[in-house]
Protein backbone atom coordinates (compact mmCIF):
# COMPACT_ATOMS: atom_id res chain seq x y z
CA MET A 1 -0.30 -0.17 0.04
CA THR A 2 1.29 3.50 -0.78
CA ALA A 3 1.63 6.27 1.76
CA ALA A 4 -1.77 7.75 0.57
CA GLY A 5 -3.65 4.34 0.22
CA SER A 6 -4.08 2.46 -3.39
CA PRO A 7 -7.92 3.44 -4.47
CA THR A 8 -7.89 0.79 -7.08
CA ASP A 9 -11.58 0.36 -6.10
CA LEU A 10 -12.45 3.31 -7.92
CA GLY A 11 -11.85 1.23 -11.07
CA ARG A 12 -11.36 3.61 -14.45
CA VAL A 13 -11.84 7.13 -13.58
CA HIS A 14 -12.97 9.87 -16.11
CA ILE A 15 -12.02 13.64 -14.73
CA VAL A 16 -13.93 16.57 -16.29
CA GLY A 17 -12.00 19.37 -16.27
CA ILE A 18 -8.61 17.68 -15.85
CA GLY A 19 -6.15 20.83 -17.02
CA GLY A 20 -7.37 22.54 -14.00
CA ALA A 21 -4.54 23.42 -11.47
CA GLY A 22 -6.15 21.16 -8.82
CA MET A 23 -7.62 18.56 -10.86
CA SER A 24 -4.66 17.77 -12.80
CA GLY A 25 -2.76 17.25 -9.62
CA ILE A 26 -5.50 14.45 -8.33
CA ALA A 27 -5.19 13.05 -11.81
CA ARG A 28 -1.20 12.53 -11.12
CA ILE A 29 -1.82 11.18 -7.95
CA MET A 30 -4.46 8.84 -8.91
CA VAL A 31 -1.85 7.46 -11.70
CA ALA A 32 0.61 6.83 -9.25
CA GLN A 33 -1.45 4.85 -7.17
CA GLY A 34 -2.14 2.53 -9.93
CA VAL A 35 -5.44 4.24 -11.30
CA GLU A 36 -6.49 3.90 -15.36
CA VAL A 37 -7.62 7.61 -15.92
CA SER A 38 -8.83 9.44 -18.62
CA GLY A 39 -10.02 13.26 -18.76
CA SER A 40 -11.57 16.40 -20.56
CA ASP A 41 -11.32 19.82 -20.81
CA ALA A 42 -12.92 22.94 -22.90
CA LYS A 43 -9.11 23.58 -24.16
CA ASP A 44 -5.71 21.89 -24.61
CA SER A 45 -3.02 23.15 -21.84
CA ARG A 46 0.39 22.30 -20.89
CA ARG A 47 -1.00 20.45 -18.06
CA MET A 48 -3.14 18.34 -20.54
CA GLN A 49 -0.16 17.84 -22.44
CA ALA A 50 1.89 16.78 -19.30
CA LEU A 51 -0.44 14.35 -18.28
CA LYS A 52 -0.48 12.52 -21.83
CA ALA A 53 3.23 11.96 -21.16
CA ILE A 54 2.36 9.52 -18.09
CA GLY A 55 -0.33 7.92 -19.85
CA VAL A 56 -3.38 9.73 -19.17
CA LYS A 57 -5.95 9.85 -22.17
CA THR A 58 -7.49 13.42 -23.08
CA GLN A 59 -9.60 14.79 -25.09
CA VAL A 60 -10.34 18.80 -25.98
CA GLY A 61 -13.88 19.18 -25.36
CA HIS A 62 -16.60 17.46 -23.70
CA ASP A 63 -18.48 14.42 -25.20
CA ALA A 64 -21.27 12.44 -23.10
CA GLY A 65 -19.71 9.11 -25.05
CA MET A 66 -16.27 9.74 -22.86
CA VAL A 67 -18.04 7.93 -19.87
CA MET A 68 -18.71 4.54 -21.74
CA GLY A 69 -16.74 1.98 -19.64
CA VAL A 70 -15.81 4.74 -16.58
CA ASP A 71 -16.24 3.75 -13.59
CA THR A 72 -15.88 6.94 -11.24
CA LEU A 73 -16.49 10.18 -12.97
CA VAL A 74 -14.79 13.25 -11.07
CA TYR A 75 -15.76 16.83 -11.77
CA SER A 76 -14.77 20.31 -10.87
CA THR A 77 -16.75 23.15 -9.56
CA ALA A 78 -16.19 24.68 -12.82
CA ILE A 79 -18.38 22.33 -14.39
CA PRO A 80 -22.37 23.25 -14.67
CA PRO A 81 -24.92 20.25 -14.18
CA GLU A 82 -25.57 20.47 -18.05
CA ASN A 83 -22.34 19.38 -18.83
CA PRO A 84 -22.83 16.38 -21.18
CA GLU A 85 -20.34 13.91 -19.51
CA ARG A 86 -21.50 14.75 -16.01
CA MET A 87 -24.82 14.13 -17.00
CA ALA A 88 -24.55 11.08 -19.04
CA ALA A 89 -22.46 9.76 -15.98
CA GLU A 90 -25.61 10.38 -13.35
CA ALA A 91 -27.99 9.38 -15.74
CA SER A 92 -25.95 5.81 -16.01
CA GLY A 93 -25.48 5.41 -12.22
CA ILE A 94 -21.91 5.66 -12.60
CA ARG A 95 -20.33 7.10 -9.10
CA VAL A 96 -19.50 10.90 -9.06
CA PHE A 97 -16.89 12.63 -7.08
CA THR A 98 -16.59 16.13 -6.49
CA ARG A 99 -13.18 17.14 -6.41
CA ALA A 100 -13.20 17.48 -2.43
CA ASP A 101 -14.47 13.98 -2.31
CA ALA A 102 -11.70 12.98 -5.07
CA LEU A 103 -8.90 14.70 -3.19
CA ALA A 104 -9.79 13.43 0.48
CA TYR A 105 -10.09 9.94 -1.17
CA VAL A 106 -6.81 9.87 -2.28
CA MET A 107 -5.37 10.91 0.96
CA ARG A 108 -6.80 8.39 2.74
CA GLY A 109 -4.28 6.96 5.45
CA SER A 110 -1.78 9.93 5.14
CA ARG A 111 -1.26 12.18 7.81
CA THR A 112 -2.45 15.27 6.23
CA VAL A 113 -1.37 18.87 6.54
CA ALA A 114 -3.63 21.16 4.91
CA VAL A 115 -2.69 24.87 4.12
CA SER A 116 -5.17 27.23 3.60
CA GLY A 117 -6.37 30.80 3.80
CA ALA A 118 -8.00 33.63 1.56
CA HIS A 119 -4.46 34.32 -0.61
CA GLY A 120 -0.73 32.79 0.07
CA LYS A 121 -1.72 28.98 0.02
CA THR A 122 -0.15 28.18 -2.94
CA THR A 123 3.62 29.45 -2.07
CA THR A 124 2.85 28.40 1.47
CA THR A 125 2.49 24.82 0.64
CA SER A 126 4.92 24.82 -1.53
CA MET A 127 7.40 25.98 0.40
CA LEU A 128 6.55 23.41 3.24
CA THR A 129 6.79 21.05 0.86
CA VAL A 130 10.35 21.99 -0.55
CA ALA A 131 11.08 22.12 3.33
CA LEU A 132 10.02 18.77 4.08
CA GLN A 133 11.97 17.51 1.19
CA HIS A 134 15.11 18.90 2.48
CA CYS A 135 14.92 17.48 5.75
CA GLY A 136 15.02 14.17 3.75
CA ALA A 137 11.34 13.09 3.89
CA ASP A 138 8.91 12.24 0.62
CA PRO A 139 5.40 13.69 1.15
CA SER A 140 2.95 13.50 -1.25
CA PHE A 141 1.51 16.63 -1.94
CA ALA A 142 -0.94 18.49 -4.37
CA ILE A 143 -0.62 22.17 -5.03
CA GLY A 144 -2.43 24.54 -7.03
CA SER A 145 0.69 25.46 -9.43
CA GLU A 146 3.85 23.97 -10.45
CA LEU A 147 7.00 23.89 -8.19
CA ASN A 148 9.99 25.45 -9.95
CA GLU A 149 12.22 22.51 -8.50
CA SER A 150 10.15 19.64 -9.61
CA GLY A 151 8.00 21.41 -12.48
CA SER A 152 5.11 19.24 -11.28
CA ASN A 153 2.06 20.07 -9.03
CA ALA A 154 1.47 16.97 -7.87
CA HIS A 155 3.56 13.71 -6.16
CA LEU A 156 2.89 10.52 -4.32
CA GLY A 157 5.52 10.07 -1.90
CA SER A 158 6.58 7.47 -0.01
CA GLY A 159 6.26 8.81 3.41
CA ASP A 160 3.31 9.20 5.55
CA ILE A 161 2.80 12.82 4.76
CA PHE A 162 0.50 14.51 2.45
CA VAL A 163 0.81 18.18 2.13
CA VAL A 164 -1.75 19.58 0.54
CA GLU A 165 -3.20 23.11 -0.78
CA ALA A 166 -6.88 23.37 1.16
CA ASP A 167 -9.09 25.46 -0.89
CA GLU A 168 -12.02 27.17 0.74
CA SER A 169 -13.63 28.59 -2.56
CA ASP A 170 -16.08 25.90 -2.94
CA GLY A 171 -15.74 24.27 0.56
CA THR A 172 -13.36 21.32 -0.42
CA PHE A 173 -10.95 22.37 2.72
CA LEU A 174 -13.71 21.14 5.25
CA LYS A 175 -13.49 17.33 3.78
CA LEU A 176 -9.67 16.68 3.78
CA GLY A 177 -9.43 15.99 7.84
CA PRO A 178 -6.17 17.11 8.37
CA THR A 179 -3.92 16.58 11.63
CA ALA A 180 -1.90 19.68 11.16
CA ALA A 181 -3.04 22.96 9.10
CA ILE A 182 -1.99 26.45 8.30
CA VAL A 183 -4.22 29.16 8.00
CA THR A 184 -2.61 32.22 6.11
CA ASN A 185 -5.48 34.63 6.52
CA VAL A 186 -9.03 35.11 6.35
CA GLU A 187 -10.90 37.68 4.31
CA ALA A 188 -14.36 38.03 2.53
CA ASP A 189 -14.03 36.22 -1.08
CA HIS A 190 -15.62 33.68 -3.34
CA LEU A 191 -19.08 35.21 -1.94
CA ASN A 192 -20.45 33.59 -4.96
CA TYR A 193 -20.59 30.09 -3.06
CA TRP A 194 -20.62 31.18 0.45
CA GLY A 195 -23.03 33.98 0.59
CA ASN A 196 -21.40 36.40 3.23
CA PHE A 197 -18.06 36.77 5.07
CA GLU A 198 -19.74 35.10 8.35
CA ALA A 199 -20.37 32.25 6.54
CA ILE A 200 -16.66 32.32 5.48
CA GLU A 201 -15.46 32.71 9.06
CA GLN A 202 -17.63 29.99 10.60
CA ALA A 203 -16.12 27.89 8.24
CA PHE A 204 -12.36 28.41 9.15
CA VAL A 205 -13.61 27.55 12.35
CA ASP A 206 -15.15 24.96 11.42
CA PHE A 207 -11.70 24.02 10.05
CA ALA A 208 -10.07 24.48 12.66
CA LEU A 209 -12.70 22.49 14.77
CA GLN A 210 -11.66 19.23 12.49
CA VAL A 211 -7.86 19.56 13.63
CA GLY A 212 -8.54 19.57 16.95
CA THR A 213 -10.63 16.69 17.08
CA ARG A 214 -7.75 14.85 15.43
CA SER A 215 -5.39 16.12 18.19
CA GLY A 216 -3.72 18.05 16.01
CA PHE A 217 -2.30 21.72 15.47
CA ILE A 218 -3.12 24.73 13.60
CA VAL A 219 -0.51 27.56 12.49
CA VAL A 220 -2.55 31.09 12.28
CA CYS A 221 -1.45 34.43 11.14
CA ILE A 222 -2.39 36.63 14.24
CA ASP A 223 -1.07 39.69 11.94
CA ASP A 224 -4.35 39.35 9.98
CA ALA A 225 -7.51 40.52 11.33
CA GLY A 226 -9.54 37.52 10.47
CA GLY A 227 -6.79 35.47 11.75
CA ALA A 228 -6.74 37.08 15.03
CA ARG A 229 -10.37 36.05 15.18
CA LEU A 230 -9.93 33.07 14.60
CA VAL A 231 -7.38 32.29 16.98
CA ASP A 232 -9.48 33.61 19.92
CA GLN A 233 -12.64 31.26 18.80
CA SER A 234 -10.22 28.24 18.08
CA ARG A 235 -8.69 28.70 21.32
CA ALA A 236 -11.94 29.12 23.25
CA MET A 237 -12.67 25.25 21.87
CA GLY A 238 -9.49 23.89 23.45
CA VAL A 239 -7.81 24.00 19.77
CA ASP A 240 -3.82 23.51 19.69
CA VAL A 241 -3.48 27.16 17.76
CA ARG A 242 0.37 28.42 17.27
CA THR A 243 0.57 32.10 16.00
CA TYR A 244 2.77 33.42 13.62
CA GLY A 245 3.70 36.96 12.64
CA GLU A 246 5.27 40.34 13.11
CA SER A 247 2.78 41.34 16.13
CA ALA A 248 4.23 41.33 19.62
CA ALA A 249 1.27 38.88 20.17
CA ALA A 250 2.30 36.11 18.24
CA ASP A 251 4.20 32.91 19.54
CA TYR A 252 6.37 32.92 16.53
CA ARG A 253 7.61 36.54 16.02
CA LEU A 254 9.49 37.82 12.74
CA VAL A 255 11.92 40.17 14.06
CA ASP A 256 15.30 41.98 12.31
CA ALA A 257 13.69 41.34 9.00
CA GLU A 258 16.24 43.00 6.10
CA LEU A 259 15.63 42.89 2.36
CA ILE A 260 19.00 41.45 0.78
CA ASP A 261 19.01 41.33 -3.23
CA ARG A 262 15.61 40.38 -3.89
CA GLY A 263 14.68 38.24 -0.79
CA TRP A 264 13.48 38.83 2.75
CA HIS A 265 16.14 37.57 5.43
CA PHE A 266 14.49 37.38 8.95
CA SER A 267 14.76 35.57 12.44
CA ILE A 268 11.83 34.03 14.12
CA GLU A 269 11.74 34.48 18.11
CA TYR A 270 9.94 32.17 20.34
CA ALA A 271 9.83 32.67 23.96
CA GLU A 272 11.79 35.98 23.79
CA GLU A 273 14.62 33.86 21.95
CA VAL A 274 15.68 33.41 18.27
CA ILE A 275 15.12 29.83 17.13
CA GLY A 276 16.10 30.10 13.71
CA ARG A 277 17.14 32.57 10.65
CA ILE A 278 15.20 32.32 7.46
CA GLU A 279 17.11 34.06 4.45
CA LEU A 280 14.58 33.80 1.40
CA GLN A 281 15.40 33.65 -2.52
CA VAL A 282 11.78 35.05 -3.47
CA PRO A 283 10.67 38.68 -3.26
CA GLY A 284 8.05 40.17 -0.88
CA LYS A 285 7.46 40.72 2.74
CA HIS A 286 4.58 38.55 2.51
CA ASN A 287 6.52 35.76 1.49
CA ALA A 288 8.57 35.68 4.67
CA LEU A 289 5.04 35.54 6.51
CA ASN A 290 4.67 32.63 4.21
CA ALA A 291 8.06 30.90 4.92
CA ALA A 292 7.37 31.71 8.62
CA ALA A 293 3.93 29.34 8.38
CA ALA A 294 6.02 26.79 6.52
CA PHE A 295 8.87 26.74 9.46
CA VAL A 296 6.62 26.83 12.24
CA THR A 297 4.42 23.95 10.70
CA ALA A 298 7.63 21.76 10.07
CA ILE A 299 9.23 22.06 13.52
CA GLY A 300 5.96 21.36 14.95
CA LEU A 301 5.67 17.96 12.56
CA GLY A 302 9.24 17.15 14.54
CA PHE A 303 11.54 18.10 11.71
CA ASP A 304 14.79 19.68 12.55
CA SER A 305 14.65 23.21 12.31
CA GLN A 306 18.33 24.06 10.82
CA LEU A 307 17.06 21.51 7.98
CA VAL A 308 14.06 23.36 7.85
CA GLN A 309 15.58 26.89 7.54
CA GLU A 310 18.15 25.58 4.93
CA GLY A 311 15.30 23.94 2.98
CA LEU A 312 12.95 27.38 2.69
CA GLY A 313 16.06 29.11 2.16
CA GLY A 314 16.47 27.17 -1.16
CA PHE A 315 12.81 27.68 -2.10
CA SER A 316 13.13 29.03 -5.68
CA GLY A 317 9.10 29.73 -6.39
CA THR A 318 5.86 28.63 -8.19
CA ARG A 319 4.80 29.07 -11.60
CA ARG A 320 2.52 32.37 -11.90
CA ARG A 321 3.71 33.60 -8.38
CA PHE A 322 6.23 36.42 -9.22
CA ASP A 323 7.26 34.51 -12.32
CA PHE A 324 10.24 35.60 -14.20
CA LYS A 325 9.55 35.19 -17.86
CA GLY A 326 12.69 36.86 -19.67
CA GLU A 327 14.54 40.34 -19.91
CA ILE A 328 14.70 42.23 -23.28
CA GLY A 329 16.65 45.47 -23.41
CA GLY A 330 16.83 45.78 -20.09
CA VAL A 331 13.13 45.47 -19.66
CA ARG A 332 12.45 42.64 -17.11
CA VAL A 333 8.91 40.67 -17.44
CA PHE A 334 6.93 39.12 -14.49
CA ASP A 335 3.39 37.30 -14.45
CA ASP A 336 1.59 36.71 -11.09
CA TYR A 337 -1.57 35.29 -10.53
CA ALA A 338 -2.79 37.85 -7.88
CA HIS A 339 -6.34 38.60 -8.52
CA HIS A 340 -7.56 40.19 -5.10
CA PRO A 341 -6.69 43.76 -3.66
CA THR A 342 -4.79 42.04 -0.79
CA GLU A 343 -2.40 40.05 -3.23
CA ILE A 344 -2.00 42.98 -5.75
CA ALA A 345 -0.78 45.50 -2.98
CA ALA A 346 1.47 42.71 -1.60
CA THR A 347 2.85 41.54 -5.36
CA LEU A 348 3.60 45.12 -6.36
CA ALA A 349 4.98 46.05 -3.07
CA ALA A 350 7.53 43.12 -3.65
CA ALA A 351 7.77 44.04 -7.26
CA ARG A 352 9.16 47.74 -5.96
CA ASP A 353 12.17 45.84 -4.26
CA VAL A 354 12.66 44.15 -7.24
CA ALA A 355 12.42 47.15 -9.67
CA GLY A 356 14.86 49.31 -7.69
CA SER A 357 15.12 52.66 -9.26
CA GLY A 358 13.12 51.18 -12.34
CA ARG A 359 9.66 52.16 -12.89
CA LEU A 360 6.70 49.49 -12.75
CA ILE A 361 4.43 49.04 -15.05
CA VAL A 362 1.28 46.84 -14.78
CA ALA A 363 -1.64 44.92 -16.54
CA PHE A 364 -4.26 43.43 -14.62
CA GLN A 365 -7.61 41.57 -15.67
CA ALA A 366 -9.99 41.17 -12.91
CA HIS A 367 -11.58 37.55 -12.50
CA HIS A 368 -15.42 37.40 -11.81
CA TYR A 369 -17.94 40.40 -11.71
CA TYR A 370 -19.07 39.95 -7.98
CA ARG A 371 -15.38 40.23 -7.04
CA THR A 372 -15.08 43.27 -9.05
CA ALA A 373 -18.34 44.81 -7.75
CA MET A 374 -17.54 44.61 -4.38
CA TYR A 375 -13.76 45.55 -4.46
CA LEU A 376 -13.81 48.05 -7.34
CA ALA A 377 -12.15 50.97 -5.18
CA GLU A 378 -9.76 48.38 -3.40
CA PHE A 379 -8.66 47.15 -6.47
CA GLY A 380 -8.16 50.63 -8.11
CA ALA A 381 -6.15 51.51 -4.85
CA ALA A 382 -4.07 48.53 -5.11
CA LEU A 383 -3.00 49.12 -8.99
CA GLY A 384 -2.40 52.77 -7.86
CA LEU A 385 1.16 51.65 -6.44
CA ALA A 386 2.28 51.12 -10.22
CA ASP A 387 3.68 53.84 -12.46
CA ASP A 388 1.70 52.50 -15.51
CA VAL A 389 -1.32 50.37 -15.66
CA VAL A 390 -3.07 48.80 -18.50
CA VAL A 391 -6.46 47.58 -17.32
CA LEU A 392 -8.09 44.62 -19.20
CA GLU A 393 -11.95 43.77 -19.37
CA VAL A 394 -13.10 41.65 -17.01
CA PHE A 395 -12.90 37.50 -17.46
CA ALA A 396 -15.99 35.97 -15.94
CA PRO A 397 -16.72 33.37 -18.64
CA GLY A 398 -20.22 32.04 -18.57
CA GLU A 399 -21.17 35.04 -16.14
CA THR A 400 -24.04 37.55 -16.02
CA PRO A 401 -22.60 41.04 -16.15
CA ILE A 402 -23.26 43.57 -13.55
CA PRO A 403 -24.10 46.67 -14.86
CA GLY A 404 -21.38 49.36 -14.04
CA VAL A 405 -18.87 47.12 -13.26
CA SER A 406 -16.31 46.41 -15.88
CA GLY A 407 -12.88 47.21 -16.60
CA LEU A 408 -13.27 50.81 -17.96
CA ALA A 409 -14.97 51.21 -14.52
CA MET A 410 -11.51 50.19 -12.80
CA ALA A 411 -9.25 52.05 -14.69
CA ALA A 412 -11.58 55.11 -13.98
CA GLN A 413 -10.57 53.88 -9.98
CA VAL A 414 -6.92 53.76 -10.02
CA PRO A 415 -5.19 57.14 -8.81
CA LEU A 416 -2.88 58.02 -11.41
CA ASP A 417 -2.56 60.89 -13.48
CA PRO A 418 -4.68 59.59 -17.08
CA ALA A 419 -1.66 59.79 -19.04
CA HIS A 420 -0.50 56.85 -16.67
CA VAL A 421 -3.71 54.83 -16.91
CA VAL A 422 -5.54 52.91 -20.10
CA PHE A 423 -8.36 50.51 -20.35
CA GLU A 424 -7.48 48.52 -23.09
CA PRO A 425 -10.64 46.08 -24.16
CA SER A 426 -8.71 44.51 -26.85
CA TRP A 427 -6.58 41.63 -25.77
CA SER A 428 -4.28 41.55 -28.79
CA ALA A 429 -3.37 45.61 -28.32
CA VAL A 430 -2.46 44.71 -24.47
CA ALA A 431 1.35 43.30 -25.05
CA GLY A 432 1.90 46.65 -27.35
CA GLN A 433 0.92 48.69 -24.84
CA LEU A 434 2.80 47.58 -22.12
CA ALA A 435 5.99 47.44 -24.16
CA ASP A 436 5.12 50.97 -25.32
CA ARG A 437 5.39 52.26 -22.05
CA ALA A 438 8.57 50.17 -20.82
CA GLY A 439 12.11 51.07 -20.98
CA PRO A 440 15.59 49.99 -19.81
CA GLY A 441 15.46 48.94 -15.96
CA ASP A 442 11.80 49.06 -15.68
CA LEU A 443 9.51 45.76 -14.73
CA VAL A 444 6.89 44.77 -16.54
CA MET A 445 4.10 42.69 -14.46
CA THR A 446 0.99 40.83 -15.71
CA LEU A 447 -1.58 40.34 -12.94
CA GLY A 448 -4.87 38.23 -12.87
CA ALA A 449 -6.45 35.04 -12.59
CA GLY A 450 -7.28 34.30 -16.07
CA ASP A 451 -5.09 33.90 -19.29
CA ILE A 452 -3.02 37.23 -18.59
CA GLY A 453 -0.05 34.96 -18.16
CA LEU A 454 0.42 34.18 -21.93
CA ILE A 455 0.78 38.00 -22.76
CA GLY A 456 4.38 37.88 -21.11
CA LEU A 457 5.65 35.98 -24.00
CA GLU A 458 4.15 38.37 -26.20
CA ILE A 459 5.55 41.65 -24.66
CA LEU A 460 9.25 40.07 -24.66
CA GLU A 461 8.90 39.56 -28.70
CA ILE A 462 7.65 42.92 -29.50
CA LEU A 463 10.66 43.82 -27.44
CA ARG A 464 13.09 41.63 -29.31
CA GLU A 465 11.62 42.97 -32.82
CA ARG A 466 12.42 46.57 -31.17
CA LYS A 467 15.82 46.11 -30.82
């Protein structure tokens, strides 16, 4: 039996939406466990091609015939009830799993470490995984993006630990039953699923209680207001909570932080004694907090603090998290998944560290109308941290537009001189807009959860042609 169990009783599995970050990771784990897997998605992608290389039969487009001979169908939250494969499976009595069900199933028998929070999940999960690997462990992992070290977003390890990015957007994190967990922050997001902020806060309390019922521990950022409330509520119910942050109230406190080259170096103090010094390669003060969370969790799991520090110091990042695309003519181009005002502000603060005396030129594509409507002013303020901003139209496939909620309305909220803000409705014109505004020493960054990451290579090609 593998560390995560051997769910061969699933029979042949078909995954609808297999190209997504979470679903492709589940597919990888299942294949490693000996399961025959097929899958479909609306369009081809790098992840689809990578799955083909390990024996997964993939198809672009959705067809009811794809479920013939299938024993279990797995679908993601992006797949509507009228999807032909989902409808065919349900009509024929095939076992149907949600993404959360499937993830919980493949993790059976493992010591699960779940990383959740409104922001920072992917990087923190990745940092913890790399640190544990450096300690000599071989954890299984399922992450929302590919590790730079391995190029993969999922792996079936030989050890008993399974590190998982626990997604609160659809309630997945409440089905995982972790024995240890991290909460990076608690903020209002994904209200299309939860309805209101109170429901999200209660879900995180329920998440903490799950850890408590397994006599585990949960690591929470006390610098975050929502995190601090979660700490109080969880401790009142007897949960073992270990806090981190720069606050004097933190159990594990970040001190003596300084920016050296691109990365933050800092010490961690516990009971007024320094117990570690971490020297990050990746930019961003927010990543110092993410690394602290990984450090506290790793030593809580019993790993050597010196090895954990070394592992975190060797972490080089993940795809679409401050992802360097290239440099032409002194113009550096990066891409980041940031799609919430808090994330954008943190990412642009990190970009300032990297840009130095250069200018910061940003393109942003909002994701979902409801999020854009809720945070229109906050998006504008966060984008105002750049020198030049190009705003695209909202990326919200299949959603009904909300009157007055658009890329144009967002551009009007950016507090920069009008000459330095533009709404660009034409996708094909965005790369040129960015290249026109950039000069030697400047940093160009694309931001958003949609396909905007593809624009980086177009920018580089335009800059190359102009040399």
